[in-house]
Amino acid sequence: MSDTGNADLDKRLAALEQGKGAGSPPAPRRSPLLALVVVLVIGAGGALLYLMSQPEEEEVLPTATPDVFQNEGDGFGAIGPLCIIGT
């Protein structure tokens, strides 16, 4: 085997061991506070969207009013006292 390939490999290995890599240095980590702020902003936006999409007022369903019911005639109106047996 030839040493020419190994010389280049040794040179790159020595550069890596000294911390002088060929690539750019890695970017510093972002702050956990930034991640928390992003999560809170997304959550607040979602909550605002949820509240804005709610209906303004619940629909009022038509219900029967007392004037619709029959309150006159035979069997309607005031209820008399019931006859209790055994008194």
Protein backbone atom coordinates (compact mmCIF):
# COMPACT_ATOMS: atom_id res chain seq x y z
CA MET A 1 0.00 0.00 0.00
CA SER A 2 1.16 3.49 -0.61
CA ASP A 3 1.69 6.09 2.07
CA THR A 4 0.36 8.99 -0.03
CA GLY A 5 -3.27 8.24 0.87
CA ASN A 6 -2.35 7.78 4.52
CA ALA A 7 -0.42 11.07 4.66
CA ASP A 8 -3.53 12.99 3.66
CA LEU A 9 -5.57 11.01 6.17
CA ASP A 10 -3.03 11.70 8.93
CA LYS A 11 -3.07 15.40 8.10
CA ARG A 12 -6.89 15.60 8.30
CA LEU A 13 -6.93 13.57 11.51
CA ALA A 14 -4.38 15.88 13.14
CA ALA A 15 -6.47 18.92 12.13
CA LEU A 16 -9.60 17.36 13.65
CA GLU A 17 -7.81 16.51 16.88
CA GLN A 18 -6.65 20.11 17.22
CA GLY A 19 -10.20 21.35 16.76
CA LYS A 20 -9.54 22.97 13.42
CA GLY A 21 -12.06 21.09 11.32
CA ALA A 22 -12.54 21.94 7.69
CA GLY A 23 -16.21 22.80 8.24
CA SER A 24 -17.67 25.77 10.01
CA PRO A 25 -18.09 25.56 13.78
CA PRO A 26 -21.50 24.33 14.90
CA ALA A 27 -24.06 27.01 15.63
CA PRO A 28 -24.62 27.68 19.33
CA ARG A 29 -27.78 26.17 20.80
CA ARG A 30 -30.78 28.41 20.99
CA SER A 31 -32.13 29.42 24.34
CA PRO A 32 -34.82 27.24 25.95
CA LEU A 33 -36.58 30.51 26.73
CA LEU A 34 -36.97 31.11 22.99
CA ALA A 35 -38.60 27.69 22.60
CA LEU A 36 -40.98 28.46 25.45
CA VAL A 37 -41.91 31.83 23.92
CA VAL A 38 -42.60 30.19 20.54
CA VAL A 39 -44.82 27.55 22.16
CA LEU A 40 -46.73 30.21 24.11
CA VAL A 41 -47.24 32.35 21.00
CA ILE A 42 -48.55 29.36 19.04
CA GLY A 43 -50.84 28.40 21.94
CA ALA A 44 -52.16 31.95 22.29
CA GLY A 45 -52.80 32.13 18.55
CA GLY A 46 -54.68 28.83 18.65
CA ALA A 47 -56.77 29.95 21.63
CA LEU A 48 -57.59 33.24 19.91
CA LEU A 49 -58.60 31.42 16.73
CA TYR A 50 -60.77 29.04 18.76
CA LEU A 51 -62.52 31.90 20.55
CA MET A 52 -63.05 33.83 17.33
CA SER A 53 -64.64 30.82 15.62
CA GLN A 54 -67.27 30.33 18.33
CA PRO A 55 -70.82 31.43 17.47
CA GLU A 56 -71.84 34.78 18.87
CA GLU A 57 -75.01 33.56 20.53
CA GLU A 58 -76.67 30.20 20.83
CA GLU A 59 -79.66 29.77 18.53
CA VAL A 60 -82.97 30.20 20.29
CA LEU A 61 -85.17 27.23 19.54
CA PRO A 62 -88.88 27.81 19.17
CA THR A 63 -90.69 26.51 22.23
CA ALA A 64 -94.36 26.20 23.02
CA THR A 65 -95.85 29.05 24.96
CA PRO A 66 -98.82 28.71 27.32
CA ASP A 67 -101.21 30.32 24.84
CA VAL A 68 -100.70 27.41 22.45
CA PHE A 69 -102.16 24.88 24.88
CA GLN A 70 -105.89 24.39 25.22
CA ASN A 71 -106.98 25.64 28.62
CA GLU A 72 -110.76 25.70 28.16
CA GLY A 73 -113.38 23.03 27.70
CA ASP A 74 -114.21 19.67 29.25
CA GLY A 75 -111.30 18.18 31.17
CA PHE A 76 -109.10 21.25 31.00
CA GLY A 77 -108.48 24.02 33.45
CA ALA A 78 -108.44 23.80 37.23
CA ILE A 79 -107.88 20.39 38.80
CA GLY A 80 -110.25 19.58 41.62
CA PRO A 81 -109.30 17.74 44.81
CA LEU A 82 -108.83 14.01 44.46
CA CYS A 83 -111.08 11.63 46.36
CA ILE A 84 -108.98 9.69 48.87
CA ILE A 85 -110.42 6.31 49.87
CA GLY A 86 -110.26 5.24 53.50
CA THR A 87 -110.44 8.54 55.30
